[in-house]
Each structure stands twice: as C-alpha cells, then as structure tokens.
PDB file of all heavy atoms in Angstrom:
ATOM      1  N   MET A   1     121.450 107.589 106.354  1.00  0.00           N
ATOM      2  CA  MET A   1     120.792 106.841 105.223  1.00  0.00           C
ATOM      3  C   MET A   1     120.289 105.488 105.673  1.00  0.00           C
ATOM      4  O   MET A   1     119.220 105.037 105.327  1.00  0.00           O
ATOM      5  CB  MET A   1     121.754 106.747 104.093  1.00  0.00           C
ATOM      6  CG  MET A   1     122.173 108.117 103.451  1.00  0.00           C
ATOM      7  SD  MET A   1     120.696 108.946 102.839  1.00  0.00           S
ATOM      8  CE  MET A   1     120.201 107.896 101.539  1.00  0.00           C
ATOM      9  N   THR A   2     121.116 104.789 106.495  1.00  0.00           N
ATOM     10  CA  THR A   2     120.727 103.429 106.936  1.00  0.00           C
ATOM     11  C   THR A   2     119.540 103.557 107.909  1.00  0.00           C
ATOM     12  O   THR A   2     118.651 102.693 107.809  1.00  0.00           O
ATOM     13  CB  THR A   2     121.918 102.783 107.693  1.00  0.00           C
ATOM     14  OG1 THR A   2     123.145 102.817 106.879  1.00  0.00           O
ATOM     15  CG2 THR A   2     121.585 101.383 108.052  1.00  0.00           C
ATOM     16  N   GLY A   3     119.506 104.529 108.785  1.00  0.00           N
ATOM     17  CA  GLY A   3     118.410 104.705 109.664  1.00  0.00           C
ATOM     18  C   GLY A   3     117.105 105.002 108.866  1.00  0.00           C
ATOM     19  O   GLY A   3     116.055 104.463 109.202  1.00  0.00           O
ATOM     20  N   LEU A   4     117.203 105.881 107.906  1.00  0.00           N
ATOM     21  CA  LEU A   4     116.041 106.195 107.033  1.00  0.00           C
ATOM     22  C   LEU A   4     115.523 105.022 106.322  1.00  0.00           C
ATOM     23  O   LEU A   4     114.301 104.762 106.154  1.00  0.00           O
ATOM     24  CB  LEU A   4     116.385 107.354 106.066  1.00  0.00           C
ATOM     25  CG  LEU A   4     116.440 108.691 106.728  1.00  0.00           C
ATOM     26  CD1 LEU A   4     116.999 109.703 105.730  1.00  0.00           C
ATOM     27  CD2 LEU A   4     115.086 109.235 107.160  1.00  0.00           C
ATOM     28  N   PHE A   5     116.412 104.208 105.753  1.00  0.00           N
ATOM     29  CA  PHE A   5     116.094 102.995 105.058  1.00  0.00           C
ATOM     30  C   PHE A   5     115.296 102.064 105.881  1.00  0.00           C
ATOM     31  O   PHE A   5     114.204 101.511 105.528  1.00  0.00           O
ATOM     32  CB  PHE A   5     117.300 102.322 104.449  1.00  0.00           C
ATOM     33  CG  PHE A   5     116.951 100.965 103.803  1.00  0.00           C
ATOM     34  CD1 PHE A   5     116.371 100.963 102.523  1.00  0.00           C
ATOM     35  CD2 PHE A   5     117.317  99.842 104.439  1.00  0.00           C
ATOM     36  CE1 PHE A   5     116.123  99.732 101.977  1.00  0.00           C
ATOM     37  CE2 PHE A   5     117.005  98.543 103.852  1.00  0.00           C
ATOM     38  CZ  PHE A   5     116.435  98.497 102.568  1.00  0.00           C
ATOM     39  N   GLY A   6     115.813 101.767 107.057  1.00  0.00           N
ATOM     40  CA  GLY A   6     115.110 100.843 108.009  1.00  0.00           C
ATOM     41  C   GLY A   6     113.796 101.300 108.386  1.00  0.00           C
ATOM     42  O   GLY A   6     112.844 100.576 108.544  1.00  0.00           O
ATOM     43  N   SER A   7     113.622 102.620 108.592  1.00  0.00           N
ATOM     44  CA  SER A   7     112.354 103.205 109.048  1.00  0.00           C
ATOM     45  C   SER A   7     111.356 103.158 107.764  1.00  0.00           C
ATOM     46  O   SER A   7     110.121 102.926 108.000  1.00  0.00           O
ATOM     47  CB  SER A   7     112.570 104.574 109.487  1.00  0.00           C
ATOM     48  OG  SER A   7     111.371 105.013 110.192  1.00  0.00           O
ATOM     49  N   PHE A   8     111.893 103.442 106.582  1.00  0.00           N
ATOM     50  CA  PHE A   8     111.047 103.343 105.418  1.00  0.00           C
ATOM     51  C   PHE A   8     110.391 101.971 105.237  1.00  0.00           C
ATOM     52  O   PHE A   8     109.270 101.787 104.862  1.00  0.00           O
ATOM     53  CB  PHE A   8     111.801 103.739 104.137  1.00  0.00           C
ATOM     54  CG  PHE A   8     111.695 105.165 103.791  1.00  0.00           C
ATOM     55  CD1 PHE A   8     112.865 105.948 103.637  1.00  0.00           C
ATOM     56  CD2 PHE A   8     110.499 105.811 103.548  1.00  0.00           C
ATOM     57  CE1 PHE A   8     112.785 107.311 103.370  1.00  0.00           C
ATOM     58  CE2 PHE A   8     110.413 107.168 103.285  1.00  0.00           C
ATOM     59  CZ  PHE A   8     111.528 107.922 103.141  1.00  0.00           C
ATOM     60  N   VAL A   9     111.218 100.898 105.457  1.00  0.00           N
ATOM     61  CA  VAL A   9     110.743  99.573 105.354  1.00  0.00           C
ATOM     62  C   VAL A   9     109.581  99.332 106.329  1.00  0.00           C
ATOM     63  O   VAL A   9     108.584  98.720 106.002  1.00  0.00           O
ATOM     64  CB  VAL A   9     111.919  98.539 105.606  1.00  0.00           C
ATOM     65  CG1 VAL A   9     111.422  97.147 105.672  1.00  0.00           C
ATOM     66  CG2 VAL A   9     112.935  98.687 104.527  1.00  0.00           C
ATOM     67  N   GLN A  10     109.802  99.760 107.558  1.00  0.00           N
ATOM     68  CA  GLN A  10     108.785  99.577 108.540  1.00  0.00           C
ATOM     69  C   GLN A  10     107.469 100.326 108.202  1.00  0.00           C
ATOM     70  O   GLN A  10     106.363  99.831 108.367  1.00  0.00           O
ATOM     71  CB  GLN A  10     109.267 100.018 109.929  1.00  0.00           C
ATOM     72  CG  GLN A  10     110.380  99.170 110.480  1.00  0.00           C
ATOM     73  CD  GLN A  10     110.827  99.697 111.737  1.00  0.00           C
ATOM     74  OE1 GLN A  10     110.236  99.599 112.823  1.00  0.00           O
ATOM     75  NE2 GLN A  10     112.045 100.403 111.788  1.00  0.00           N
ATOM     76  N   LEU A  11     107.693 101.537 107.729  1.00  0.00           N
ATOM     77  CA  LEU A  11     106.543 102.397 107.348  1.00  0.00           C
ATOM     78  C   LEU A  11     105.700 101.799 106.201  1.00  0.00           C
ATOM     79  O   LEU A  11     104.440 101.766 106.188  1.00  0.00           O
ATOM     80  CB  LEU A  11     107.040 103.808 106.966  1.00  0.00           C
ATOM     81  CG  LEU A  11     105.903 104.854 106.698  1.00  0.00           C
ATOM     82  CD1 LEU A  11     105.185 105.207 108.040  1.00  0.00           C
ATOM     83  CD2 LEU A  11     106.556 106.184 106.161  1.00  0.00           C
ATOM     84  N   ARG A  12     106.438 101.241 105.248  1.00  0.00           N
ATOM     85  CA  ARG A  12     105.749 100.631 104.152  1.00  0.00           C
ATOM     86  C   ARG A  12     104.834  99.420 104.568  1.00  0.00           C
ATOM     87  O   ARG A  12     103.697  99.318 104.061  1.00  0.00           O
ATOM     88  CB  ARG A  12     106.779 100.016 103.101  1.00  0.00           C
ATOM     89  CG  ARG A  12     106.211  99.392 101.946  1.00  0.00           C
ATOM     90  CD  ARG A  12     105.525 100.338 100.966  1.00  0.00           C
ATOM     91  NE  ARG A  12     105.020  99.688  99.833  1.00  0.00           N
ATOM     92  CZ  ARG A  12     103.832  99.093  99.799  1.00  0.00           C
ATOM     93  NH1 ARG A  12     103.042  99.074 100.843  1.00  0.00           N
ATOM     94  NH2 ARG A  12     103.357  98.505  98.628  1.00  0.00           N
ATOM     95  N   VAL A  13     105.313  98.666 105.499  1.00  0.00           N
ATOM     96  CA  VAL A  13     104.613  97.513 105.947  1.00  0.00           C
ATOM     97  C   VAL A  13     103.443  97.977 106.926  1.00  0.00           C
ATOM     98  O   VAL A  13     102.372  97.484 106.917  1.00  0.00           O
ATOM     99  CB  VAL A  13     105.463  96.493 106.710  1.00  0.00           C
ATOM    100  CG1 VAL A  13     104.661  95.287 107.200  1.00  0.00           C
ATOM    101  CG2 VAL A  13     106.554  96.063 105.757  1.00  0.00           C
ATOM    102  N   LEU A  14     103.749  99.026 107.732  1.00  0.00           N
ATOM    103  CA  LEU A  14     102.773  99.553 108.600  1.00  0.00           C
ATOM    104  C   LEU A  14     101.527 100.019 107.899  1.00  0.00           C
ATOM    105  O   LEU A  14     100.388  99.898 108.372  1.00  0.00           O
ATOM    106  CB  LEU A  14     103.359 100.755 109.384  1.00  0.00           C
ATOM    107  CG  LEU A  14     102.570 101.374 110.546  1.00  0.00           C
ATOM    108  CD1 LEU A  14     102.220 100.321 111.611  1.00  0.00           C
ATOM    109  CD2 LEU A  14     103.295 102.543 111.179  1.00  0.00           C
ATOM    110  N   PHE A  15     101.650 100.667 106.699  1.00  0.00           N
ATOM    111  CA  PHE A  15     100.529 101.108 105.990  1.00  0.00           C
ATOM    112  C   PHE A  15      99.637  99.920 105.354  1.00  0.00           C
ATOM    113  O   PHE A  15      98.595 100.223 104.859  1.00  0.00           O
ATOM    114  CB  PHE A  15     101.001 102.044 104.819  1.00  0.00           C
ATOM    115  CG  PHE A  15     101.173 103.455 105.210  1.00  0.00           C
ATOM    116  CD1 PHE A  15     102.439 104.033 105.103  1.00  0.00           C
ATOM    117  CD2 PHE A  15     100.197 104.206 105.810  1.00  0.00           C
ATOM    118  CE1 PHE A  15     102.673 105.339 105.497  1.00  0.00           C
ATOM    119  CE2 PHE A  15     100.382 105.532 106.219  1.00  0.00           C
ATOM    120  CZ  PHE A  15     101.663 106.109 106.045  1.00  0.00           C
ATOM    121  N   GLN A  16     100.228  98.745 105.488  1.00  0.00           N
ATOM    122  CA  GLN A  16      99.425  97.574 105.049  1.00  0.00           C
ATOM    123  C   GLN A  16      98.525  96.985 106.116  1.00  0.00           C
ATOM    124  O   GLN A  16      97.747  96.133 105.864  1.00  0.00           O
ATOM    125  CB  GLN A  16     100.362  96.475 104.482  1.00  0.00           C
ATOM    126  CG  GLN A  16     101.371  96.910 103.408  1.00  0.00           C
ATOM    127  CD  GLN A  16     100.640  97.490 102.163  1.00  0.00           C
ATOM    128  OE1 GLN A  16      99.670  96.922 101.714  1.00  0.00           O
ATOM    129  NE2 GLN A  16     101.094  98.695 101.706  1.00  0.00           N
ATOM    130  N   LEU A  17      98.753  97.424 107.365  1.00  0.00           N
ATOM    131  CA  LEU A  17      97.988  96.850 108.474  1.00  0.00           C
ATOM    132  C   LEU A  17      96.566  97.368 108.475  1.00  0.00           C
ATOM    133  O   LEU A  17      96.263  98.574 108.070  1.00  0.00           O
ATOM    134  CB  LEU A  17      98.626  97.231 109.754  1.00  0.00           C
ATOM    135  CG  LEU A  17     100.067  96.609 110.095  1.00  0.00           C
ATOM    136  CD1 LEU A  17     100.579  97.062 111.387  1.00  0.00           C
ATOM    137  CD2 LEU A  17     100.019  95.070 109.980  1.00  0.00           C
ATOM    138  N   HIS A  18      95.633  96.559 108.938  1.00  0.00           N
ATOM    139  CA  HIS A  18      94.177  96.934 109.134  1.00  0.00           C
ATOM    140  C   HIS A  18      93.901  97.165 110.556  1.00  0.00           C
ATOM    141  O   HIS A  18      94.462  96.392 111.468  1.00  0.00           O
ATOM    142  CB  HIS A  18      93.279  95.873 108.626  1.00  0.00           C
ATOM    143  CG  HIS A  18      93.361  95.673 107.121  1.00  0.00           C
ATOM    144  ND1 HIS A  18      92.324  95.359 106.306  1.00  0.00           N
ATOM    145  CD2 HIS A  18      94.404  95.838 106.198  1.00  0.00           C
ATOM    146  CE1 HIS A  18      92.642  95.311 105.053  1.00  0.00           C
ATOM    147  NE2 HIS A  18      93.919  95.549 104.971  1.00  0.00           N
ATOM    148  N   PHE A  19      93.131  98.203 110.906  1.00  0.00           N
ATOM    149  CA  PHE A  19      92.751  98.445 112.304  1.00  0.00           C
ATOM    150  C   PHE A  19      91.217  98.488 112.342  1.00  0.00           C
ATOM    151  O   PHE A  19      90.568  99.418 111.773  1.00  0.00           O
ATOM    152  CB  PHE A  19      93.373  99.774 112.780  1.00  0.00           C
ATOM    153  CG  PHE A  19      94.837  99.751 112.849  1.00  0.00           C
ATOM    154  CD1 PHE A  19      95.594 100.183 111.739  1.00  0.00           C
ATOM    155  CD2 PHE A  19      95.472  99.292 113.942  1.00  0.00           C
ATOM    156  CE1 PHE A  19      96.989 100.198 111.837  1.00  0.00           C
ATOM    157  CE2 PHE A  19      96.861  99.326 114.034  1.00  0.00           C
ATOM    158  CZ  PHE A  19      97.633  99.709 112.882  1.00  0.00           C
ATOM    159  N   CYS A  20      90.620  97.530 112.992  1.00  0.00           N
ATOM    160  CA  CYS A  20      89.182  97.465 112.999  1.00  0.00           C
ATOM    161  C   CYS A  20      88.585  97.169 114.421  1.00  0.00           C
ATOM    162  O   CYS A  20      87.454  96.906 114.599  1.00  0.00           O
ATOM    163  CB  CYS A  20      88.734  96.346 112.079  1.00  0.00           C
ATOM    164  SG  CYS A  20      89.514  94.702 112.326  1.00  0.00           S
ATOM    165  N   GLY A  21      89.494  97.239 115.420  1.00  0.00           N
ATOM    166  CA  GLY A  21      88.974  97.003 116.799  1.00  0.00           C
ATOM    167  C   GLY A  21      89.290  98.126 117.657  1.00  0.00           C
ATOM    168  O   GLY A  21      89.034  99.291 117.326  1.00  0.00           O
ATOM    169  N   PRO A  22      89.825  97.882 118.894  1.00  0.00           N
ATOM    170  CA  PRO A  22      90.043  98.997 119.832  1.00  0.00           C
ATOM    171  C   PRO A  22      91.069  99.982 119.316  1.00  0.00           C
ATOM    172  O   PRO A  22      91.928  99.624 118.470  1.00  0.00           O
ATOM    173  CB  PRO A  22      90.718  98.195 121.069  1.00  0.00           C
ATOM    174  CG  PRO A  22      90.144  96.861 120.885  1.00  0.00           C
ATOM    175  CD  PRO A  22      90.145  96.554 119.429  1.00  0.00           C
ATOM    176  N   ASN A  23      90.907 101.248 119.709  1.00  0.00           N
ATOM    177  CA  ASN A  23      91.831 102.294 119.145  1.00  0.00           C
ATOM    178  C   ASN A  23      92.584 102.975 120.281  1.00  0.00           C
ATOM    179  O   ASN A  23      93.111 104.104 120.119  1.00  0.00           O
ATOM    180  CB  ASN A  23      91.038 103.279 118.314  1.00  0.00           C
ATOM    181  CG  ASN A  23      90.062 104.042 119.246  1.00  0.00           C
ATOM    182  OD1 ASN A  23      89.629 103.604 120.352  1.00  0.00           O
ATOM    183  ND2 ASN A  23      89.705 105.281 118.826  1.00  0.00           N
ATOM    184  N   VAL A  24      92.720 102.330 121.450  1.00  0.00           N
ATOM    185  CA  VAL A  24      93.309 102.992 122.623  1.00  0.00           C
ATOM    186  C   VAL A  24      94.782 102.454 122.765  1.00  0.00           C
ATOM    187  O   VAL A  24      94.990 101.245 122.845  1.00  0.00           O
ATOM    188  CB  VAL A  24      92.590 102.740 123.934  1.00  0.00           C
ATOM    189  CG1 VAL A  24      93.342 103.366 125.117  1.00  0.00           C
ATOM    190  CG2 VAL A  24      91.185 103.317 123.814  1.00  0.00           C
ATOM    191  N   ILE A  25      95.751 103.353 122.672  1.00  0.00           N
ATOM    192  CA  ILE A  25      97.179 103.032 122.780  1.00  0.00           C
ATOM    193  C   ILE A  25      97.603 103.323 124.236  1.00  0.00           C
ATOM    194  O   ILE A  25      97.651 104.488 124.628  1.00  0.00           O
ATOM    195  CB  ILE A  25      98.032 103.798 121.807  1.00  0.00           C
ATOM    196  CG1 ILE A  25      97.588 103.505 120.355  1.00  0.00           C
ATOM    197  CG2 ILE A  25      99.520 103.442 121.934  1.00  0.00           C
ATOM    198  CD1 ILE A  25      98.300 104.305 119.353  1.00  0.00           C
ATOM    199  N   ASN A  26      98.044 102.334 124.925  1.00  0.00           N
ATOM    200  CA  ASN A  26      98.440 102.502 126.316  1.00  0.00           C
ATOM    201  C   ASN A  26      99.934 102.882 126.329  1.00  0.00           C
ATOM    202  O   ASN A  26     100.810 102.139 126.727  1.00  0.00           O
ATOM    203  CB  ASN A  26      98.250 101.236 127.147  1.00  0.00           C
ATOM    204  CG  ASN A  26      98.613 101.336 128.599  1.00  0.00           C
ATOM    205  OD1 ASN A  26      98.687 102.527 129.086  1.00  0.00           O
ATOM    206  ND2 ASN A  26      98.720 100.317 129.342  1.00  0.00           N
ATOM    207  N   HIS A  27     100.222 104.075 125.834  1.00  0.00           N
ATOM    208  CA  HIS A  27     101.565 104.626 125.778  1.00  0.00           C
ATOM    209  C   HIS A  27     101.466 106.167 125.614  1.00  0.00           C
ATOM    210  O   HIS A  27     100.396 106.723 125.376  1.00  0.00           O
ATOM    211  CB  HIS A  27     102.274 104.002 124.542  1.00  0.00           C
ATOM    212  CG  HIS A  27     103.712 103.795 124.801  1.00  0.00           C
ATOM    213  ND1 HIS A  27     104.571 104.785 125.244  1.00  0.00           N
ATOM    214  CD2 HIS A  27     104.518 102.700 124.642  1.00  0.00           C
ATOM    215  CE1 HIS A  27     105.853 104.199 125.443  1.00  0.00           C
ATOM    216  NE2 HIS A  27     105.814 103.012 125.014  1.00  0.00           N
ATOM    217  N   PHE A  28     102.655 106.870 125.685  1.00  0.00           N
ATOM    218  CA  PHE A  28     102.649 108.233 125.536  1.00  0.00           C
ATOM    219  C   PHE A  28     103.071 108.701 124.148  1.00  0.00           C
ATOM    220  O   PHE A  28     103.120 109.860 123.791  1.00  0.00           O
ATOM    221  CB  PHE A  28     103.543 108.915 126.556  1.00  0.00           C
ATOM    222  CG  PHE A  28     104.965 108.497 126.565  1.00  0.00           C
ATOM    223  CD1 PHE A  28     105.912 109.147 125.770  1.00  0.00           C
ATOM    224  CD2 PHE A  28     105.358 107.454 127.398  1.00  0.00           C
ATOM    225  CE1 PHE A  28     107.283 108.700 125.816  1.00  0.00           C
ATOM    226  CE2 PHE A  28     106.670 107.045 127.383  1.00  0.00           C
ATOM    227  CZ  PHE A  28     107.664 107.656 126.582  1.00  0.00           C
ATOM    228  N   PHE A  29     103.425 107.639 123.280  1.00  0.00           N
ATOM    229  CA  PHE A  29     103.629 107.967 121.877  1.00  0.00           C
ATOM    230  C   PHE A  29     103.310 106.694 121.010  1.00  0.00           C
ATOM    231  O   PHE A  29     103.075 105.660 121.607  1.00  0.00           O
ATOM    232  CB  PHE A  29     105.073 108.417 121.631  1.00  0.00           C
ATOM    233  CG  PHE A  29     106.132 107.303 121.712  1.00  0.00           C
ATOM    234  CD1 PHE A  29     106.693 106.730 120.589  1.00  0.00           C
ATOM    235  CD2 PHE A  29     106.619 106.846 122.992  1.00  0.00           C
ATOM    236  CE1 PHE A  29     107.624 105.749 120.668  1.00  0.00           C
ATOM    237  CE2 PHE A  29     107.509 105.903 123.070  1.00  0.00           C
ATOM    238  CZ  PHE A  29     108.097 105.322 121.877  1.00  0.00           C
ATOM    239  N   CYS A  30     103.279 106.836 119.689  1.00  0.00           N
ATOM    240  CA  CYS A  30     102.907 105.780 118.850  1.00  0.00           C
ATOM    241  C   CYS A  30     104.110 104.834 118.673  1.00  0.00           C
ATOM    242  O   CYS A  30     104.937 105.093 117.705  1.00  0.00           O
ATOM    243  CB  CYS A  30     102.463 106.296 117.549  1.00  0.00           C
ATOM    244  SG  CYS A  30     100.898 107.205 117.641  1.00  0.00           S
ATOM    245  N   ASP A  31     104.242 103.832 119.519  1.00  0.00           N
ATOM    246  CA  ASP A  31     105.348 102.857 119.388  1.00  0.00           C
ATOM    247  C   ASP A  31     104.793 101.614 118.651  1.00  0.00           C
ATOM    248  O   ASP A  31     103.644 101.281 118.747  1.00  0.00           O
ATOM    249  CB  ASP A  31     105.859 102.546 120.720  1.00  0.00           C
ATOM    250  CG  ASP A  31     107.338 102.073 120.698  1.00  0.00           C
ATOM    251  OD1 ASP A  31     107.884 102.023 119.609  1.00  0.00           O
ATOM    252  OD2 ASP A  31     107.820 101.558 121.651  1.00  0.00           O
ATOM    253  N   LEU A  32     105.722 100.960 117.919  1.00  0.00           N
ATOM    254  CA  LEU A  32     105.334  99.860 117.161  1.00  0.00           C
ATOM    255  C   LEU A  32     104.571  98.691 117.867  1.00  0.00           C
ATOM    256  O   LEU A  32     103.624  98.163 117.354  1.00  0.00           O
ATOM    257  CB  LEU A  32     106.536  99.300 116.364  1.00  0.00           C
ATOM    258  CG  LEU A  32     106.240  98.211 115.351  1.00  0.00           C
ATOM    259  CD1 LEU A  32     105.264  98.719 114.274  1.00  0.00           C
ATOM    260  CD2 LEU A  32     107.553  97.818 114.676  1.00  0.00           C
ATOM    261  N   PRO A  33     105.185  98.187 119.008  1.00  0.00           N
ATOM    262  CA  PRO A  33     104.550  97.077 119.683  1.00  0.00           C
ATOM    263  C   PRO A  33     103.087  97.308 120.023  1.00  0.00           C
ATOM    264  O   PRO A  33     102.212  96.426 119.885  1.00  0.00           O
ATOM    265  CB  PRO A  33     105.336  96.921 120.958  1.00  0.00           C
ATOM    266  CG  PRO A  33     106.679  97.434 120.626  1.00  0.00           C
ATOM    267  CD  PRO A  33     106.425  98.630 119.650  1.00  0.00           C
ATOM    268  N   GLN A  34     102.753  98.520 120.377  1.00  0.00           N
ATOM    269  CA  GLN A  34     101.356  98.881 120.757  1.00  0.00           C
ATOM    270  C   GLN A  34     100.464  98.935 119.471  1.00  0.00           C
ATOM    271  O   GLN A  34      99.307  98.533 119.548  1.00  0.00           O
ATOM    272  CB  GLN A  34     101.245 100.239 121.489  1.00  0.00           C
ATOM    273  CG  GLN A  34     101.650 100.193 122.909  1.00  0.00           C
ATOM    274  CD  GLN A  34     103.147  99.890 123.177  1.00  0.00           C
ATOM    275  OE1 GLN A  34     103.987 100.278 122.364  1.00  0.00           O
ATOM    276  NE2 GLN A  34     103.440  99.062 124.175  1.00  0.00           N
ATOM    277  N   LEU A  35     101.062  99.350 118.393  1.00  0.00           N
ATOM    278  CA  LEU A  35     100.243  99.407 117.107  1.00  0.00           C
ATOM    279  C   LEU A  35      99.970  97.909 116.651  1.00  0.00           C
ATOM    280  O   LEU A  35      98.923  97.653 116.143  1.00  0.00           O
ATOM    281  CB  LEU A  35     101.019 100.188 116.050  1.00  0.00           C
ATOM    282  CG  LEU A  35     101.076 101.693 116.270  1.00  0.00           C
ATOM    283  CD1 LEU A  35     101.969 102.343 115.178  1.00  0.00           C
ATOM    284  CD2 LEU A  35      99.676 102.266 116.251  1.00  0.00           C
ATOM    285  N   LEU A  36     100.927  97.114 116.794  1.00  0.00           N
ATOM    286  CA  LEU A  36     100.712  95.702 116.442  1.00  0.00           C
ATOM    287  C   LEU A  36      99.644  94.992 117.241  1.00  0.00           C
ATOM    288  O   LEU A  36      98.902  94.189 116.739  1.00  0.00           O
ATOM    289  CB  LEU A  36     102.048  94.934 116.512  1.00  0.00           C
ATOM    290  CG  LEU A  36     103.113  95.265 115.539  1.00  0.00           C
ATOM    291  CD1 LEU A  36     104.380  94.448 115.746  1.00  0.00           C
ATOM    292  CD2 LEU A  36     102.665  95.146 114.127  1.00  0.00           C
ATOM    293  N   ILE A  37      99.567  95.356 118.519  1.00  0.00           N
ATOM    294  CA  ILE A  37      98.563  94.842 119.390  1.00  0.00           C
ATOM    295  C   ILE A  37      97.150  95.158 118.939  1.00  0.00           C
ATOM    296  O   ILE A  37      96.189  94.348 118.960  1.00  0.00           O
ATOM    297  CB  ILE A  37      98.766  95.238 120.887  1.00  0.00           C
ATOM    298  CG1 ILE A  37     100.013  94.589 121.430  1.00  0.00           C
ATOM    299  CG2 ILE A  37      97.589  94.879 121.733  1.00  0.00           C
ATOM    300  CD1 ILE A  37     100.407  95.140 122.808  1.00  0.00           C
ATOM    301  N   LEU A  38      96.997  96.382 118.466  1.00  0.00           N
ATOM    302  CA  LEU A  38      95.653  96.897 118.000  1.00  0.00           C
ATOM    303  C   LEU A  38      95.297  96.467 116.642  1.00  0.00           C
ATOM    304  O   LEU A  38      94.164  96.550 116.320  1.00  0.00           O
ATOM    305  CB  LEU A  38      95.703  98.447 118.009  1.00  0.00           C
ATOM    306  CG  LEU A  38      95.860  99.073 119.454  1.00  0.00           C
ATOM    307  CD1 LEU A  38      95.849 100.577 119.232  1.00  0.00           C
ATOM    308  CD2 LEU A  38      94.863  98.641 120.380  1.00  0.00           C
ATOM    309  N   SER A  39      96.274  96.013 115.851  1.00  0.00           N
ATOM    310  CA  SER A  39      95.946  95.622 114.453  1.00  0.00           C
ATOM    311  C   SER A  39      95.156  94.331 114.362  1.00  0.00           C
ATOM    312  O   SER A  39      95.401  93.352 115.209  1.00  0.00           O
ATOM    313  CB  SER A  39      97.250  95.428 113.639  1.00  0.00           C
ATOM    314  OG  SER A  39      96.929  94.894 112.381  1.00  0.00           O
ATOM    315  N   CYS A  40      94.132  94.250 113.496  1.00  0.00           N
ATOM    316  CA  CYS A  40      93.373  93.038 113.318  1.00  0.00           C
ATOM    317  C   CYS A  40      93.863  92.281 112.065  1.00  0.00           C
ATOM    318  O   CYS A  40      93.283  91.314 111.647  1.00  0.00           O
ATOM    319  CB  CYS A  40      91.916  93.344 113.104  1.00  0.00           C
ATOM    320  SG  CYS A  40      91.510  94.509 111.847  1.00  0.00           S
ATOM    321  N   SER A  41      95.000  92.725 111.545  1.00  0.00           N
ATOM    322  CA  SER A  41      95.639  92.010 110.433  1.00  0.00           C
ATOM    323  C   SER A  41      96.596  90.857 110.958  1.00  0.00           C
ATOM    324  O   SER A  41      96.896  90.874 112.129  1.00  0.00           O
ATOM    325  CB  SER A  41      96.419  92.892 109.550  1.00  0.00           C
ATOM    326  OG  SER A  41      95.671  93.984 109.072  1.00  0.00           O
ATOM    327  N   ASP A  42      97.009  90.018 110.068  1.00  0.00           N
ATOM    328  CA  ASP A  42      97.966  89.002 110.465  1.00  0.00           C
ATOM    329  C   ASP A  42      99.313  89.674 110.404  1.00  0.00           C
ATOM    330  O   ASP A  42      99.803  90.197 109.368  1.00  0.00           O
ATOM    331  CB  ASP A  42      97.967  87.917 109.391  1.00  0.00           C
ATOM    332  CG  ASP A  42      98.949  86.804 109.800  1.00  0.00           C
ATOM    333  OD1 ASP A  42      99.658  86.920 110.842  1.00  0.00           O
ATOM    334  OD2 ASP A  42      99.087  85.789 108.908  1.00  0.00           O
ATOM    335  N   THR A  43     100.000  89.880 111.559  1.00  0.00           N
ATOM    336  CA  THR A  43     101.214  90.618 111.700  1.00  0.00           C
ATOM    337  C   THR A  43     102.415  89.682 111.557  1.00  0.00           C
ATOM    338  O   THR A  43     103.534  90.191 111.855  1.00  0.00           O
ATOM    339  CB  THR A  43     101.266  91.313 113.061  1.00  0.00           C
ATOM    340  OG1 THR A  43     101.174  90.322 114.110  1.00  0.00           O
ATOM    341  CG2 THR A  43     100.091  92.290 113.125  1.00  0.00           C
ATOM    342  N   PHE A  44     102.319  88.467 111.070  1.00  0.00           N
ATOM    343  CA  PHE A  44     103.438  87.592 111.046  1.00  0.00           C
ATOM    344  C   PHE A  44     104.494  88.087 110.081  1.00  0.00           C
ATOM    345  O   PHE A  44     105.695  88.110 110.454  1.00  0.00           O
ATOM    346  CB  PHE A  44     102.980  86.187 110.519  1.00  0.00           C
ATOM    347  CG  PHE A  44     104.118  85.240 110.336  1.00  0.00           C
ATOM    348  CD1 PHE A  44     104.764  84.653 111.431  1.00  0.00           C
ATOM    349  CD2 PHE A  44     104.583  84.918 109.130  1.00  0.00           C
ATOM    350  CE1 PHE A  44     105.807  83.755 111.263  1.00  0.00           C
ATOM    351  CE2 PHE A  44     105.614  83.997 108.925  1.00  0.00           C
ATOM    352  CZ  PHE A  44     106.273  83.443 110.001  1.00  0.00           C
TER     353      PHE A  44
END
C-alpha cells in the first residue's frame, strides 16, 4: 500500500508535465530522470 501510494503521487504529477521538445529517451525503459530532462515544464 505504501509503495502504491508513493507511485500514485508521482504519477499524478507526471501527468501535469508538458513535452514539447525532443522525444528520445536514452534508456531501455521509461525512468523518471530521463522524462524530467525531456519535459519543457518547470519541474521544480
């Protein structure tokens, strides 16, 4: 339950991000640091 809660919080914020630039992820899966690099939103 704790793991699901923490992931739900991240997912909720992830859906608020905008992506308007490069779409290439230099990874073998969708990891958060790489998604933040590609986002053109303020990730603070």
